[in-house]
């Protein structure tokens, strides 16, 4: 919720309007998270993943520590991967023989079913791939960003956080006398389920965050979804193999960590190597976003399209757009270049009180007053930092003052 409220504040600062109300975004995540939780719970009935209350505490405790380092570490790929490495390292020590709390913690950590937890992580990322493909572009928020050499460019921030409540089977204590699981499990030791079973509530969180200057939100979501799909399948295969041959547990844990970092690095370097898309050029004015419920939306104008002419006049700047719209205050006709490079003509009557720019948010120009500040790196940064946008005039003034002082 904090992230969506912050996003709304940023939109108001940059565009003086709220593009997507945060309660609607929050509602989408809750509904989608419940559906995904139901699907994973059904899949977990046949996998044989051994989840205990201690495992839940270890995973959430590790995630709570990591999120203070980086917000994107609020992902169980990092917490379970780190726990797998710690469990392997623990095998080279005698900490489990101690009689104090350290020994108790070591015994608890050593008893975690890391391969099973990594299979669960893989399932979560497969679910994330589905959610990103389904809803990723709906959480896209337009931004003004500082590009290379200080020039402002447009972009999109894609953020999604889905709470996923699940119910998972847990084998009963040996000798409990319960009824055995009536179907075979795919992973692990099937004899664990011969003494009966119970169910445990397992709350999890799926987080997704991307930034693009070079792609439309839907294209970025598709690209991210493909990467998550490959990651989920890869980690799932290695983790499933580790459940049958324990020496692969360390390999599976390292794969969970390193492949996830590889996803982040690949996305970053692709963006750095690509030319910015959301900039004006000789074709006309590029549409960064369209405000819902405005004339632009009713005319079918979409983000990424280029406005070439308004009321028969070519437009290259915002001033050109204002002048062309005032040629006829009761009607407007636009010539727009769509995503396929084809020209389309749209028109509409204009009414008093409507958005002065038809509801179009244009890519930034040199006169833009604000741009988005760097994203918060950690949870403390998110909670403590109030400013979500920087004043370009203030930054320019500070730069000029520093230059003068140095001279």
Protein backbone atom coordinates (compact mmCIF):
# COMPACT_ATOMS: atom_id res chain seq x y z
CA UNK A 1 0.00 0.00 0.00
CA UNK A 2 2.87 2.38 0.80
CA UNK A 3 4.28 1.87 -2.69
CA UNK A 4 0.96 2.61 -4.41
CA UNK A 5 0.36 5.73 -2.29
CA UNK A 6 3.87 6.93 -3.10
CA UNK A 7 3.20 6.33 -6.78
CA UNK A 8 0.00 8.42 -6.62
CA UNK A 9 1.85 11.29 -4.92
CA UNK A 10 4.51 11.20 -7.61
CA UNK A 11 1.92 11.32 -10.41
CA UNK A 12 0.29 14.36 -8.82
CA UNK A 13 3.67 16.07 -8.52
CA UNK A 14 4.74 15.38 -12.10
CA UNK A 15 1.45 15.69 -13.97
CA UNK A 16 -0.85 17.51 -11.50
CA UNK A 17 -3.30 14.63 -11.80
CA UNK A 18 -3.83 11.16 -10.37
CA UNK A 19 -3.70 8.60 -13.17
CA UNK A 20 -4.50 5.44 -11.20
CA UNK A 21 -6.15 5.55 -7.75
CA UNK A 22 -4.16 3.44 -5.30
CA UNK A 23 -7.25 1.70 -3.79
CA UNK A 24 -8.04 0.21 -7.21
CA UNK A 25 -4.47 -1.02 -7.60
CA UNK A 26 -4.53 -2.49 -4.10
CA UNK A 27 -7.80 -4.27 -4.84
CA UNK A 28 -6.37 -5.81 -8.01
CA UNK A 29 -3.38 -7.20 -6.17
CA UNK A 30 -5.49 -8.72 -3.38
CA UNK A 31 -7.90 -10.47 -5.75
CA UNK A 32 -5.13 -11.77 -8.02
CA UNK A 33 -3.07 -12.88 -5.00
CA UNK A 34 -5.98 -14.89 -3.62
CA UNK A 35 -6.48 -16.66 -6.96
CA UNK A 36 -2.78 -17.49 -7.27
CA UNK A 37 -2.68 -18.68 -3.66
CA UNK A 38 -5.52 -21.07 -4.42
CA UNK A 39 -3.71 -22.45 -7.48
CA UNK A 40 -0.42 -22.98 -5.63
CA UNK A 41 -2.23 -24.56 -2.69
CA UNK A 42 -3.83 -27.07 -5.08
CA UNK A 43 -0.45 -27.82 -6.69
CA UNK A 44 1.14 -28.26 -3.25
CA UNK A 45 -1.25 -31.10 -2.44
CA UNK A 46 0.67 -33.41 -4.76
CA UNK A 47 4.26 -32.12 -4.49
CA UNK A 48 5.10 -33.29 -0.98
CA UNK A 49 6.84 -30.10 0.15
CA UNK A 50 7.55 -30.31 3.87
CA UNK A 51 6.63 -26.93 5.39
CA UNK A 52 6.72 -26.29 9.13
CA UNK A 53 6.00 -23.31 11.32
CA UNK A 54 9.74 -22.93 11.84
CA UNK A 55 10.29 -22.77 8.06
CA UNK A 56 7.75 -19.95 7.79
CA UNK A 57 9.51 -18.02 10.56
CA UNK A 58 12.94 -18.55 9.01
CA UNK A 59 11.79 -17.38 5.58
CA UNK A 60 9.94 -14.29 6.78
CA UNK A 61 12.63 -13.43 9.33
CA UNK A 62 15.35 -13.55 6.67
CA UNK A 63 13.21 -11.54 4.25
CA UNK A 64 12.57 -8.92 6.96
CA UNK A 65 16.31 -8.44 7.40
CA UNK A 66 17.07 -8.36 3.67
CA UNK A 67 14.37 -5.79 2.88
CA UNK A 68 16.27 -3.26 4.99
CA UNK A 69 19.15 -3.67 2.53
CA UNK A 70 17.18 -3.60 -0.74
CA UNK A 71 13.43 -3.44 -1.34
CA UNK A 72 13.73 -5.88 -4.21
CA UNK A 73 15.09 -8.46 -1.75
CA UNK A 74 11.50 -8.87 -0.53
CA UNK A 75 11.48 -12.05 -2.53
CA UNK A 76 11.78 -15.54 -1.12
CA UNK A 77 14.28 -16.46 -3.83
CA UNK A 78 16.81 -14.46 -1.82
CA UNK A 79 15.74 -15.60 1.65
CA UNK A 80 15.49 -19.32 0.79
CA UNK A 81 18.67 -19.18 -1.30
CA UNK A 82 20.53 -17.57 1.60
CA UNK A 83 19.10 -20.11 4.05
CA UNK A 84 20.30 -22.92 1.78
CA UNK A 85 23.84 -21.53 1.78
CA UNK A 86 23.76 -21.07 5.57
CA UNK A 87 22.51 -24.64 6.01
CA UNK A 88 25.37 -25.94 3.87
CA UNK A 89 27.91 -23.87 5.82
CA UNK A 90 26.39 -25.09 9.09
CA UNK A 91 27.24 -28.65 8.10
CA UNK A 92 30.92 -27.78 8.40
CA UNK A 93 30.54 -26.59 12.01
CA UNK A 94 29.56 -28.10 15.35
CA UNK A 95 27.13 -25.33 16.33
CA UNK A 96 24.27 -27.82 16.52
CA UNK A 97 25.94 -29.50 19.50
CA UNK A 98 25.72 -26.39 21.67
CA UNK A 99 23.13 -26.33 24.45
CA UNK A 100 22.27 -22.62 24.22
CA UNK A 101 19.97 -20.71 21.84
CA UNK A 102 22.62 -20.75 19.12
CA UNK A 103 22.56 -24.54 19.15
CA UNK A 104 18.76 -24.56 19.03
CA UNK A 105 18.77 -22.17 16.06
CA UNK A 106 21.38 -24.30 14.30
CA UNK A 107 19.30 -27.47 14.76
CA UNK A 108 16.20 -25.66 13.51
CA UNK A 109 18.03 -24.34 10.43
CA UNK A 110 19.52 -27.75 9.69
CA UNK A 111 16.04 -29.29 9.72
CA UNK A 112 14.66 -27.07 6.96
CA UNK A 113 13.62 -28.78 3.73
CA UNK A 114 15.56 -26.42 1.46
CA UNK A 115 14.88 -28.34 -1.80
CA UNK A 116 11.16 -28.32 -1.03
CA UNK A 117 11.23 -24.61 -0.20
CA UNK A 118 13.08 -23.89 -3.45
CA UNK A 119 10.44 -25.82 -5.38
CA UNK A 120 7.91 -23.56 -3.70
CA UNK A 121 9.99 -20.53 -4.73
CA UNK A 122 9.99 -21.81 -8.31
CA UNK A 123 6.20 -22.17 -8.20
CA UNK A 124 5.92 -18.62 -6.89
CA UNK A 125 7.97 -17.30 -9.80
CA UNK A 126 5.91 -19.22 -12.30
CA UNK A 127 2.88 -17.61 -10.69
CA UNK A 128 4.65 -14.24 -10.84
CA UNK A 129 5.26 -14.76 -14.56
CA UNK A 130 1.53 -15.30 -14.97
CA UNK A 131 0.62 -12.25 -12.87
CA UNK A 132 3.10 -9.98 -14.67
CA UNK A 133 1.82 -11.14 -18.05
CA UNK A 134 -1.76 -10.65 -16.88
CA UNK A 135 -1.53 -7.45 -14.81
CA UNK A 136 1.99 -6.05 -15.18
CA UNK A 137 1.14 -3.22 -17.58
CA UNK A 138 -1.88 -2.22 -15.46
CA UNK A 139 0.49 -1.15 -12.69
CA UNK A 140 2.60 0.95 -15.05
CA UNK A 141 3.05 4.56 -13.99
CA UNK A 142 4.54 7.20 -16.35
CA UNK A 143 7.58 9.13 -15.20
CA UNK A 144 9.83 11.98 -16.19
CA UNK A 145 13.37 10.68 -15.76
CA UNK A 146 16.82 12.21 -15.99
CA UNK A 147 18.57 10.62 -18.94
CA UNK A 148 22.09 10.84 -20.22
CA UNK A 149 23.75 14.28 -20.16
CA UNK A 150 20.96 15.56 -17.93
CA UNK A 151 18.28 15.52 -20.64
CA UNK A 152 14.81 14.57 -19.47
CA UNK A 153 13.14 11.55 -21.06
CA UNK A 154 9.89 9.75 -20.45
CA UNK A 155 9.61 6.30 -19.00
CA UNK A 156 7.44 3.89 -17.07
CA UNK A 157 7.74 2.34 -13.65
CA UNK A 158 6.07 -1.06 -13.31
CA UNK A 159 5.45 -2.09 -9.71
CA UNK A 160 3.31 -4.92 -8.45
CA UNK A 161 3.11 -6.53 -5.02
CA UNK A 162 0.70 -9.42 -4.55
CA UNK A 163 -0.05 -10.96 -1.12
CA UNK A 164 -0.46 -14.70 -1.63
CA UNK A 165 -2.07 -16.62 1.28
CA UNK A 166 -1.72 -20.38 0.93
CA UNK A 167 -2.60 -23.60 2.71
CA UNK A 168 0.06 -26.32 2.46
CA UNK A 169 0.14 -29.91 3.67
CA UNK A 170 2.47 -30.77 6.54
CA UNK A 171 3.40 -34.35 7.55
CA UNK A 172 2.27 -35.28 11.05
CA UNK A 173 4.73 -36.23 13.78
CA UNK A 174 5.93 -39.81 13.47
CA UNK A 175 3.76 -42.14 15.53
CA UNK A 176 0.88 -39.71 15.61
CA UNK A 177 -1.54 -42.38 14.44
CA UNK A 178 -3.18 -40.19 11.84
CA UNK A 179 -4.53 -41.32 8.50
CA UNK A 180 -1.87 -41.58 5.79
CA UNK A 181 -1.97 -39.29 2.79
CA UNK A 182 -4.30 -41.02 0.30
CA UNK A 183 -2.23 -40.15 -2.77
CA UNK A 184 1.49 -40.39 -3.59
CA UNK A 185 3.69 -37.29 -3.49
CA UNK A 186 5.98 -36.33 -6.34
CA UNK A 187 8.96 -35.08 -4.33
CA UNK A 188 10.84 -36.13 -1.23
CA UNK A 189 10.39 -39.14 1.01
CA UNK A 190 6.84 -40.50 0.78
CA UNK A 191 7.21 -42.33 4.11
CA UNK A 192 7.02 -38.97 5.93
CA UNK A 193 3.31 -38.87 5.16
CA UNK A 194 2.50 -42.37 6.47
CA UNK A 195 1.73 -41.11 9.99
CA UNK A 196 -0.83 -38.58 8.84
CA UNK A 197 -0.88 -34.98 7.75
CA UNK A 198 -2.22 -31.56 8.64
CA UNK A 199 -2.36 -28.16 6.96
CA UNK A 200 -0.57 -24.92 7.73
CA UNK A 201 -1.32 -21.36 6.66
CA UNK A 202 1.61 -19.94 4.70
CA UNK A 203 1.49 -16.21 3.83
CA UNK A 204 3.82 -15.15 1.02
CA UNK A 205 4.45 -12.05 -1.06
CA UNK A 206 5.13 -11.78 -4.78
CA UNK A 207 6.94 -8.59 -5.75
CA UNK A 208 7.65 -7.20 -9.21
CA UNK A 209 9.49 -4.01 -10.12
CA UNK A 210 10.77 -2.80 -13.48
CA UNK A 211 11.72 0.51 -15.08
CA UNK A 212 11.71 1.13 -18.81
CA UNK A 213 12.64 4.03 -21.06
CA UNK A 214 12.67 2.04 -24.29
CA UNK A 215 9.54 -0.14 -24.34
CA UNK A 216 5.81 0.19 -24.00
CA UNK A 217 4.52 -1.12 -20.64
CA UNK A 218 2.85 -4.16 -22.21
CA UNK A 219 6.04 -5.08 -24.09
CA UNK A 220 8.13 -4.67 -20.93
CA UNK A 221 5.69 -6.85 -18.99
CA UNK A 222 5.88 -9.56 -21.67
CA UNK A 223 9.68 -9.48 -21.63
CA UNK A 224 9.81 -9.69 -17.82
CA UNK A 225 7.24 -12.48 -17.82
CA UNK A 226 9.35 -14.59 -20.18
CA UNK A 227 12.41 -14.17 -17.97
CA UNK A 228 10.46 -15.15 -14.86
CA UNK A 229 9.08 -18.20 -16.64
CA UNK A 230 12.57 -19.40 -17.58
CA UNK A 231 13.81 -18.68 -14.04
CA UNK A 232 10.95 -20.59 -12.41
CA UNK A 233 11.41 -23.62 -14.65
CA UNK A 234 15.20 -23.65 -14.19
CA UNK A 235 15.17 -23.35 -10.39
CA UNK A 236 12.28 -25.80 -10.16
CA UNK A 237 14.13 -28.50 -12.11
CA UNK A 238 17.33 -28.17 -10.07
CA UNK A 239 15.41 -28.02 -6.77
CA UNK A 240 13.35 -31.10 -7.69
CA UNK A 241 16.57 -32.97 -8.47
CA UNK A 242 18.01 -31.84 -5.11
CA UNK A 243 15.03 -33.35 -3.30
CA UNK A 244 16.21 -36.76 -4.55
CA UNK A 245 19.98 -36.14 -4.30
CA UNK A 246 20.89 -33.81 -1.43
CA UNK A 247 24.37 -32.72 -2.69
CA UNK A 248 22.53 -30.61 -5.29
CA UNK A 249 20.93 -28.50 -2.55
CA UNK A 250 23.77 -25.97 -2.53
CA UNK A 251 23.67 -25.77 -6.33
CA UNK A 252 19.91 -25.14 -6.23
CA UNK A 253 20.32 -22.42 -3.58
CA UNK A 254 23.03 -20.69 -5.61
CA UNK A 255 20.88 -20.93 -8.74
CA UNK A 256 18.00 -19.26 -6.92
CA UNK A 257 20.21 -16.32 -5.94
CA UNK A 258 22.45 -15.91 -8.98
CA UNK A 259 19.82 -16.46 -11.66
CA UNK A 260 17.57 -13.91 -9.98
CA UNK A 261 20.39 -11.37 -9.99
CA UNK A 262 21.02 -12.26 -13.64
CA UNK A 263 17.41 -11.36 -14.45
CA UNK A 264 17.90 -7.95 -12.85
CA UNK A 265 21.23 -7.37 -14.63
CA UNK A 266 19.90 -8.40 -18.05
CA UNK A 267 16.94 -6.03 -17.74
CA UNK A 268 19.23 -3.18 -16.66
CA UNK A 269 21.79 -3.59 -19.44
CA UNK A 270 19.10 -3.97 -22.09
CA UNK A 271 17.65 -0.63 -21.03
CA UNK A 272 21.07 1.01 -20.97
CA UNK A 273 21.86 -0.25 -24.47
CA UNK A 274 18.54 0.90 -25.96
CA UNK A 275 17.70 4.39 -27.15
CA UNK A 276 14.99 6.20 -25.15
CA UNK A 277 11.58 5.78 -26.73
CA UNK A 278 9.59 8.47 -24.92
CA UNK A 279 11.09 11.58 -26.53
CA UNK A 280 9.77 14.05 -29.09
CA UNK A 281 11.29 14.01 -32.57
CA UNK A 282 10.67 15.45 -36.02
CA UNK A 283 7.52 13.35 -36.42
CA UNK A 284 5.60 15.27 -33.74
CA UNK A 285 4.66 15.05 -30.07
CA UNK A 286 4.99 11.66 -28.41
CA UNK A 287 2.21 10.62 -26.04
CA UNK A 288 3.63 9.36 -22.75
CA UNK A 289 0.26 8.51 -21.17
CA UNK A 290 -3.47 9.14 -21.44
CA UNK A 291 -5.52 10.25 -18.44
CA UNK A 292 -8.54 7.96 -17.91
CA UNK A 293 -11.95 9.48 -18.62
CA UNK A 294 -10.65 12.26 -20.86
CA UNK A 295 -11.27 13.14 -24.55
CA UNK A 296 -7.97 11.53 -25.54
CA UNK A 297 -9.11 8.18 -24.15
CA UNK A 298 -12.48 8.40 -25.88
CA UNK A 299 -10.73 9.13 -29.20
CA UNK A 300 -8.58 6.03 -28.84
CA UNK A 301 -5.23 7.77 -28.43
CA UNK A 302 -2.72 5.49 -26.71
CA UNK A 303 0.65 5.84 -25.00
CA UNK A 304 3.54 5.62 -27.46
CA UNK A 305 1.63 7.18 -30.35
CA UNK A 306 2.73 10.43 -31.98
CA UNK A 307 0.49 13.45 -32.54
CA UNK A 308 1.51 14.94 -35.90
CA UNK A 309 -1.24 17.44 -36.68
CA UNK A 310 -4.04 19.13 -34.75
CA UNK A 311 -6.78 20.90 -36.69
CA UNK A 312 -4.62 20.74 -39.79
CA UNK A 313 -1.56 22.35 -38.16
CA UNK A 314 1.70 20.53 -37.56
CA UNK A 315 2.72 20.36 -33.90
CA UNK A 316 6.26 19.99 -32.62
CA UNK A 317 6.03 21.63 -29.19
CA UNK A 318 3.46 22.00 -26.44
CA UNK A 319 2.98 25.60 -27.51
CA UNK A 320 2.12 24.41 -31.02
CA UNK A 321 -0.46 22.05 -29.52
CA UNK A 322 -2.13 24.80 -27.48
CA UNK A 323 -2.29 27.13 -30.46
CA UNK A 324 -3.68 24.43 -32.75
CA UNK A 325 -6.38 23.48 -30.23
CA UNK A 326 -7.49 27.12 -30.00
CA UNK A 327 -8.02 27.31 -33.75
CA UNK A 328 -11.40 25.69 -33.08
CA UNK A 329 -12.47 25.67 -29.45
CA UNK A 330 -15.57 23.54 -30.16
CA UNK A 331 -14.05 20.74 -32.22
CA UNK A 332 -10.68 19.07 -32.73
CA UNK A 333 -9.30 16.78 -35.40
CA UNK A 334 -5.98 15.02 -34.87
CA UNK A 335 -3.60 13.18 -37.14
CA UNK A 336 -1.88 10.49 -35.08
CA UNK A 337 0.89 8.04 -35.93
CA UNK A 338 0.10 4.69 -34.28
CA UNK A 339 2.46 1.95 -33.06
CA UNK A 340 2.56 0.30 -36.49
CA UNK A 341 3.65 3.53 -38.18
CA UNK A 342 0.24 4.06 -39.79
CA UNK A 343 -1.54 7.41 -39.72
CA UNK A 344 -4.98 7.49 -38.12
CA UNK A 345 -7.42 10.37 -37.92
CA UNK A 346 -9.46 10.99 -34.78
CA UNK A 347 -11.88 13.79 -34.01
CA UNK A 348 -14.24 14.89 -31.29
CA UNK A 349 -16.34 17.79 -30.11
CA UNK A 350 -14.88 19.79 -27.23
CA UNK A 351 -16.81 20.91 -24.18
CA UNK A 352 -16.21 23.44 -21.43
CA UNK A 353 -14.39 22.12 -18.39
CA UNK A 354 -12.52 19.36 -20.20
CA UNK A 355 -8.79 18.82 -19.82
CA UNK A 356 -6.91 21.65 -21.53
CA UNK A 357 -4.61 19.16 -23.29
CA UNK A 358 -7.35 16.65 -24.16
CA UNK A 359 -6.08 14.38 -21.37
CA UNK A 360 -2.77 13.64 -23.07
CA UNK A 361 0.42 13.48 -20.99
CA UNK A 362 3.26 14.31 -23.35
CA UNK A 363 6.87 13.20 -23.10
CA UNK A 364 8.95 15.80 -21.23
CA UNK A 365 10.64 18.74 -22.89
CA UNK A 366 13.30 21.17 -21.67
CA UNK A 367 10.68 23.16 -19.77
CA UNK A 368 9.52 20.32 -17.51
CA UNK A 369 9.73 21.46 -13.89
CA UNK A 370 10.06 18.13 -12.08
CA UNK A 371 11.37 14.64 -12.65
CA UNK A 372 11.26 11.44 -10.62
CA UNK A 373 13.84 11.00 -7.89
CA UNK A 374 15.78 7.76 -7.61
CA UNK A 375 13.69 4.89 -6.31
CA UNK A 376 14.10 4.07 -2.60
CA UNK A 377 16.71 1.37 -2.17
CA UNK A 378 15.59 -0.05 1.17
CA UNK A 379 12.56 -0.17 3.43
CA UNK A 380 13.99 2.58 5.63
CA UNK A 381 14.50 4.72 2.54
CA UNK A 382 10.87 4.18 1.55
CA UNK A 383 9.53 4.99 5.02
CA UNK A 384 11.71 8.01 5.76
CA UNK A 385 12.05 9.73 2.42
CA UNK A 386 9.12 12.00 1.64
CA UNK A 387 10.30 13.55 -1.60
CA UNK A 388 9.39 11.53 -4.68
CA UNK A 389 10.22 14.17 -7.28
CA UNK A 390 13.07 16.61 -7.81
CA UNK A 391 12.79 20.17 -9.03
CA UNK A 392 14.76 20.59 -12.22
CA UNK A 393 15.03 24.34 -11.74
CA UNK A 394 16.51 23.85 -8.27
CA UNK A 395 18.99 21.31 -9.56
CA UNK A 396 20.00 23.62 -12.41
CA UNK A 397 20.37 26.54 -10.01
CA UNK A 398 22.54 24.48 -7.64
CA UNK A 399 24.73 23.36 -10.52
CA UNK A 400 25.19 26.95 -11.70
CA UNK A 401 26.05 28.13 -8.18
CA UNK A 402 28.63 25.37 -7.76
CA UNK A 403 30.22 26.19 -11.08
CA UNK A 404 30.41 29.88 -10.22
CA UNK A 405 31.94 29.13 -6.82
CA UNK A 406 34.58 26.89 -8.33
CA UNK A 407 35.56 29.61 -10.74
